[in-house]
Amino acid sequence: MTKSYTPSVDERGGSSGSSDGTTTGRRVVRDFVVPILLGGIIAGTLDIGAASLINGAKPTRILQVIASGLFGKSAFADDSTVVLGLVLQWAMSIIIASIFVVAAQWRPVLKRHWVMAGLAYGLIIYFVMNYGVLPLSAIGHPPRFRVLHFMEDIVAMILFGIIITFFARKRSNR
C-alpha cells in the first residue's frame, strides 16, 4: 500500500499561516518565551552582581540573602542555600520579565519606547520588591533607608528594567 504525501502549506512555504499552529508556536517562542527567558535570566544574574558590588559582599552571600526570604536566618547556616538563592532569583526575574513582556504585547507603545518603559519599570520593580515582597517574606521588613544605598539600588533596578525591556522591544526584523 502506498500513500501519497502532499506537503503542508508550511512545508511548501507558500503561506505564513497554518492550521497546525506551527507558525503560532514560533511566534509565541519569538515574542514571549525568548524575551522572557533572556531578559529574566540576564537581568537576574546581573542583579546579583550589582547587589554584590553595592553591599560589598560575595555573590554567594547575596544568594543566601535571597534564600533567607524563604528560610529566614537559617539560610545563613551553611552554603546549601546558595543554589536555592540562584533558583529563586532567576524565578523572580523571569516572573518580572513575564509581566512586562505580556504588558508590552497588550500595549505596544511599551516596545516602541523601551528605554523610557525600562526606566519606569525599574522604579516599579524597586518599590514592589522592597515595600511589598520583602515585608511579606521571612525577612519581614523593608530595608533600612540610607540615601546612598537607596540611589545605588534605584540605579540597579533601572538597569534591571532596561535589560528586560531591551529584550521585549520592537525590532525592525519582526
C-alpha atoms as a PDB file:
ATOM      1  CA  MET A   1       0.000   0.000   0.000  1.00  0.00           C
ATOM      2  CA  THR A   2       1.448   3.340  -0.969  1.00  0.00           C
ATOM      3  CA  LYS A   3       0.274   6.632   0.353  1.00  0.00           C
ATOM      4  CA  SER A   4       0.592   9.880  -1.460  1.00  0.00           C
ATOM      5  CA  TYR A   5       2.362  12.566   0.530  1.00  0.00           C
ATOM      6  CA  THR A   6       1.438  16.162  -0.074  1.00  0.00           C
ATOM      7  CA  PRO A   7       3.451  18.738   1.830  1.00  0.00           C
ATOM      8  CA  SER A   8       1.504  21.055   4.117  1.00  0.00           C
ATOM      9  CA  VAL A   9       1.201  24.748   3.407  1.00  0.00           C
ATOM     10  CA  ASP A  10       4.039  25.468   5.868  1.00  0.00           C
ATOM     11  CA  GLU A  11       6.334  22.870   4.304  1.00  0.00           C
ATOM     12  CA  ARG A  12       5.762  24.401   0.879  1.00  0.00           C
ATOM     13  CA  GLY A  13       6.485  27.868   2.267  1.00  0.00           C
ATOM     14  CA  GLY A  14       3.587  29.382   0.397  1.00  0.00           C
ATOM     15  CA  SER A  15       1.792  30.938   3.318  1.00  0.00           C
ATOM     16  CA  SER A  16       2.547  32.499   6.640  1.00  0.00           C
ATOM     17  CA  GLY A  17      -0.497  30.943   8.281  1.00  0.00           C
ATOM     18  CA  SER A  18      -1.038  27.350   9.173  1.00  0.00           C
ATOM     19  CA  SER A  19      -3.779  25.250  10.537  1.00  0.00           C
ATOM     20  CA  ASP A  20      -1.461  23.157  12.719  1.00  0.00           C
ATOM     21  CA  GLY A  21      -0.227  26.032  14.883  1.00  0.00           C
ATOM     22  CA  THR A  22       3.414  25.821  13.775  1.00  0.00           C
ATOM     23  CA  THR A  23       3.592  29.496  12.879  1.00  0.00           C
ATOM     24  CA  THR A  24       1.710  30.438  16.012  1.00  0.00           C
ATOM     25  CA  GLY A  25       4.112  28.333  18.057  1.00  0.00           C
ATOM     26  CA  ARG A  26       7.109  30.078  16.504  1.00  0.00           C
ATOM     27  CA  ARG A  27       5.510  33.452  17.189  1.00  0.00           C
ATOM     28  CA  VAL A  28       4.911  32.548  20.834  1.00  0.00           C
ATOM     29  CA  VAL A  29       8.541  31.484  21.214  1.00  0.00           C
ATOM     30  CA  ARG A  30       9.830  34.608  19.418  1.00  0.00           C
ATOM     31  CA  ASP A  31       7.512  37.127  21.078  1.00  0.00           C
ATOM     32  CA  PHE A  32       7.156  35.640  24.562  1.00  0.00           C
ATOM     33  CA  VAL A  33       9.489  32.795  25.541  1.00  0.00           C
ATOM     34  CA  VAL A  34      12.770  34.198  24.213  1.00  0.00           C
ATOM     35  CA  PRO A  35      12.408  37.739  25.629  1.00  0.00           C
ATOM     36  CA  ILE A  36      11.124  36.411  28.954  1.00  0.00           C
ATOM     37  CA  LEU A  37      13.946  33.905  29.435  1.00  0.00           C
ATOM     38  CA  LEU A  38      16.769  36.087  28.095  1.00  0.00           C
ATOM     39  CA  GLY A  39      15.566  39.228  29.849  1.00  0.00           C
ATOM     40  CA  GLY A  40      14.821  37.447  33.108  1.00  0.00           C
ATOM     41  CA  ILE A  41      17.975  35.366  33.380  1.00  0.00           C
ATOM     42  CA  ILE A  42      20.387  38.074  32.195  1.00  0.00           C
ATOM     43  CA  ALA A  43      18.797  40.812  34.330  1.00  0.00           C
ATOM     44  CA  GLY A  44      18.599  38.466  37.324  1.00  0.00           C
ATOM     45  CA  THR A  45      22.218  37.396  37.009  1.00  0.00           C
ATOM     46  CA  LEU A  46      23.498  40.957  36.623  1.00  0.00           C
ATOM     47  CA  ASP A  47      21.336  41.975  39.583  1.00  0.00           C
ATOM     48  CA  ILE A  48      23.248  39.513  41.765  1.00  0.00           C
ATOM     49  CA  GLY A  49      26.493  41.168  40.666  1.00  0.00           C
ATOM     50  CA  ALA A  50      25.074  44.645  41.304  1.00  0.00           C
ATOM     51  CA  ALA A  51      23.888  43.646  44.783  1.00  0.00           C
ATOM     52  CA  SER A  52      27.316  42.173  45.468  1.00  0.00           C
ATOM     53  CA  LEU A  53      29.043  45.427  44.472  1.00  0.00           C
ATOM     54  CA  ILE A  54      26.568  47.657  46.305  1.00  0.00           C
ATOM     55  CA  ASN A  55      26.800  45.666  49.528  1.00  0.00           C
ATOM     56  CA  GLY A  56      30.489  44.715  49.322  1.00  0.00           C
ATOM     57  CA  ALA A  57      29.541  41.055  49.696  1.00  0.00           C
ATOM     58  CA  LYS A  58      30.368  37.894  47.792  1.00  0.00           C
ATOM     59  CA  PRO A  59      27.723  36.741  45.299  1.00  0.00           C
ATOM     60  CA  THR A  60      27.251  33.573  47.382  1.00  0.00           C
ATOM     61  CA  ARG A  61      26.290  35.742  50.361  1.00  0.00           C
ATOM     62  CA  ILE A  62      23.807  37.667  48.199  1.00  0.00           C
ATOM     63  CA  LEU A  63      22.260  34.358  47.123  1.00  0.00           C
ATOM     64  CA  GLN A  64      21.933  33.338  50.776  1.00  0.00           C
ATOM     65  CA  VAL A  65      20.190  36.647  51.471  1.00  0.00           C
ATOM     66  CA  ILE A  66      17.755  35.841  48.660  1.00  0.00           C
ATOM     67  CA  ALA A  67      17.154  32.368  50.116  1.00  0.00           C
ATOM     68  CA  SER A  68      16.590  33.966  53.528  1.00  0.00           C
ATOM     69  CA  GLY A  69      13.410  35.423  52.095  1.00  0.00           C
ATOM     70  CA  LEU A  70      12.091  31.879  52.235  1.00  0.00           C
ATOM     71  CA  PHE A  71      14.000  30.389  55.206  1.00  0.00           C
ATOM     72  CA  GLY A  72      14.856  33.391  57.367  1.00  0.00           C
ATOM     73  CA  LYS A  73      18.135  33.396  59.281  1.00  0.00           C
ATOM     74  CA  SER A  74      18.611  29.652  58.845  1.00  0.00           C
ATOM     75  CA  ALA A  75      19.607  30.327  55.217  1.00  0.00           C
ATOM     76  CA  PHE A  76      22.988  31.524  56.519  1.00  0.00           C
ATOM     77  CA  ALA A  77      23.775  28.333  58.466  1.00  0.00           C
ATOM     78  CA  ASP A  78      25.729  26.770  55.582  1.00  0.00           C
ATOM     79  CA  ASP A  79      26.268  27.057  51.828  1.00  0.00           C
ATOM     80  CA  SER A  80      23.447  24.678  50.928  1.00  0.00           C
ATOM     81  CA  THR A  81      21.080  27.578  50.240  1.00  0.00           C
ATOM     82  CA  VAL A  82      23.275  29.260  47.615  1.00  0.00           C
ATOM     83  CA  VAL A  83      21.818  27.254  44.706  1.00  0.00           C
ATOM     84  CA  LEU A  84      18.316  27.801  46.063  1.00  0.00           C
ATOM     85  CA  GLY A  85      19.014  31.550  46.151  1.00  0.00           C
ATOM     86  CA  LEU A  86      20.051  31.455  42.493  1.00  0.00           C
ATOM     87  CA  VAL A  87      16.940  29.490  41.511  1.00  0.00           C
ATOM     88  CA  LEU A  88      14.738  31.917  43.459  1.00  0.00           C
ATOM     89  CA  GLN A  89      16.475  34.940  41.885  1.00  0.00           C
ATOM     90  CA  TRP A  90      16.006  33.583  38.379  1.00  0.00           C
ATOM     91  CA  ALA A  91      12.403  32.581  39.089  1.00  0.00           C
ATOM     92  CA  MET A  92      11.542  36.068  40.359  1.00  0.00           C
ATOM     93  CA  SER A  93      13.380  37.671  37.444  1.00  0.00           C
ATOM     94  CA  ILE A  94      11.536  35.502  34.922  1.00  0.00           C
ATOM     95  CA  ILE A  95       8.205  36.374  36.550  1.00  0.00           C
ATOM     96  CA  ILE A  96       9.099  40.087  36.440  1.00  0.00           C
ATOM     97  CA  ALA A  97      10.116  39.756  32.777  1.00  0.00           C
ATOM     98  CA  SER A  98       6.901  37.848  32.018  1.00  0.00           C
ATOM     99  CA  ILE A  99       4.777  40.644  33.425  1.00  0.00           C
ATOM    100  CA  PHE A 100       6.474  43.213  31.215  1.00  0.00           C
ATOM    101  CA  VAL A 101       6.507  41.077  28.054  1.00  0.00           C
ATOM    102  CA  VAL A 102       2.785  40.338  28.374  1.00  0.00           C
ATOM    103  CA  ALA A 103       2.051  44.012  29.093  1.00  0.00           C
ATOM    104  CA  ALA A 104       4.123  45.031  26.052  1.00  0.00           C
ATOM    105  CA  GLN A 105       2.111  42.686  23.823  1.00  0.00           C
ATOM    106  CA  TRP A 106      -1.037  44.315  25.164  1.00  0.00           C
ATOM    107  CA  ARG A 107       0.367  47.882  24.934  1.00  0.00           C
ATOM    108  CA  PRO A 108       2.847  48.014  22.007  1.00  0.00           C
ATOM    109  CA  VAL A 109       3.890  51.563  22.953  1.00  0.00           C
ATOM    110  CA  LEU A 110       5.996  49.910  25.666  1.00  0.00           C
ATOM    111  CA  LYS A 111       8.013  48.167  22.940  1.00  0.00           C
ATOM    112  CA  ARG A 112       8.448  51.293  20.840  1.00  0.00           C
ATOM    113  CA  HIS A 113       9.632  53.382  23.801  1.00  0.00           C
ATOM    114  CA  TRP A 114      11.502  50.607  25.545  1.00  0.00           C
ATOM    115  CA  VAL A 115      14.131  52.818  27.233  1.00  0.00           C
ATOM    116  CA  MET A 116      11.533  55.002  28.930  1.00  0.00           C
ATOM    117  CA  ALA A 117       9.464  51.926  29.736  1.00  0.00           C
ATOM    118  CA  GLY A 118      12.564  50.308  31.258  1.00  0.00           C
ATOM    119  CA  LEU A 119      13.247  53.337  33.442  1.00  0.00           C
ATOM    120  CA  ALA A 120       9.677  53.339  34.724  1.00  0.00           C
ATOM    121  CA  TYR A 121       9.540  49.563  35.110  1.00  0.00           C
ATOM    122  CA  GLY A 122      12.798  49.560  37.074  1.00  0.00           C
ATOM    123  CA  LEU A 123      11.329  52.056  39.542  1.00  0.00           C
ATOM    124  CA  ILE A 124       8.173  49.975  39.873  1.00  0.00           C
ATOM    125  CA  ILE A 125      10.255  46.837  40.475  1.00  0.00           C
ATOM    126  CA  TYR A 126      12.258  48.598  43.195  1.00  0.00           C
ATOM    127  CA  PHE A 127       9.209  49.718  45.146  1.00  0.00           C
ATOM    128  CA  VAL A 128       7.272  46.467  44.749  1.00  0.00           C
ATOM    129  CA  MET A 129      10.220  44.303  45.807  1.00  0.00           C
ATOM    130  CA  ASN A 130      11.344  46.479  48.731  1.00  0.00           C
ATOM    131  CA  TYR A 131       7.992  47.565  50.129  1.00  0.00           C
ATOM    132  CA  GLY A 132       5.740  44.690  49.031  1.00  0.00           C
ATOM    133  CA  VAL A 133       7.704  41.459  48.669  1.00  0.00           C
ATOM    134  CA  LEU A 134      10.354  41.910  51.405  1.00  0.00           C
ATOM    135  CA  PRO A 135       7.864  42.691  54.205  1.00  0.00           C
ATOM    136  CA  LEU A 136       5.856  39.589  53.233  1.00  0.00           C
ATOM    137  CA  SER A 137       8.945  37.344  53.144  1.00  0.00           C
ATOM    138  CA  ALA A 138      10.654  35.617  56.066  1.00  0.00           C
ATOM    139  CA  ILE A 139      12.872  38.722  56.298  1.00  0.00           C
ATOM    140  CA  GLY A 140       9.706  40.572  57.306  1.00  0.00           C
ATOM    141  CA  HIS A 141      10.689  44.205  56.837  1.00  0.00           C
ATOM    142  CA  PRO A 142      11.773  46.659  54.155  1.00  0.00           C
ATOM    143  CA  PRO A 143      15.449  47.618  54.087  1.00  0.00           C
ATOM    144  CA  ARG A 144      16.649  50.438  56.319  1.00  0.00           C
ATOM    145  CA  PHE A 145      16.625  53.678  54.329  1.00  0.00           C
ATOM    146  CA  ARG A 146      20.025  55.191  53.592  1.00  0.00           C
ATOM    147  CA  VAL A 147      20.297  57.790  50.821  1.00  0.00           C
ATOM    148  CA  LEU A 148      23.392  56.394  49.070  1.00  0.00           C
ATOM    149  CA  HIS A 149      22.152  52.800  49.294  1.00  0.00           C
ATOM    150  CA  PHE A 150      18.726  53.893  48.017  1.00  0.00           C
ATOM    151  CA  MET A 151      20.291  55.639  44.999  1.00  0.00           C
ATOM    152  CA  GLU A 152      22.507  52.635  44.212  1.00  0.00           C
ATOM    153  CA  ASP A 153      19.538  50.279  44.439  1.00  0.00           C
ATOM    154  CA  ILE A 154      17.415  52.534  42.208  1.00  0.00           C
ATOM    155  CA  VAL A 155      20.161  52.591  39.558  1.00  0.00           C
ATOM    156  CA  ALA A 156      20.475  48.788  39.764  1.00  0.00           C
ATOM    157  CA  MET A 157      16.707  48.299  39.361  1.00  0.00           C
ATOM    158  CA  ILE A 158      16.537  50.774  36.478  1.00  0.00           C
ATOM    159  CA  LEU A 159      19.275  48.749  34.757  1.00  0.00           C
ATOM    160  CA  PHE A 160      17.269  45.598  35.549  1.00  0.00           C
ATOM    161  CA  GLY A 161      14.164  47.156  33.956  1.00  0.00           C
ATOM    162  CA  ILE A 162      16.043  48.340  30.867  1.00  0.00           C
ATOM    163  CA  ILE A 163      17.541  44.876  30.304  1.00  0.00           C
ATOM    164  CA  ILE A 164      14.067  43.338  30.378  1.00  0.00           C
ATOM    165  CA  THR A 165      12.582  45.980  28.064  1.00  0.00           C
ATOM    166  CA  PHE A 166      15.555  45.637  25.703  1.00  0.00           C
ATOM    167  CA  PHE A 167      14.688  42.000  25.054  1.00  0.00           C
ATOM    168  CA  ALA A 168      10.973  42.798  24.692  1.00  0.00           C
ATOM    169  CA  ARG A 169      11.480  45.819  22.395  1.00  0.00           C
ATOM    170  CA  LYS A 170      10.085  46.170  18.913  1.00  0.00           C
ATOM    171  CA  ARG A 171      12.728  45.046  16.453  1.00  0.00           C
ATOM    172  CA  SER A 172      12.713  46.079  12.833  1.00  0.00           C
ATOM    173  CA  ASN A 173      13.248  42.497  11.599  1.00  0.00           C
ATOM    174  CA  ARG A 174       9.986  41.267  13.167  1.00  0.00           C
END
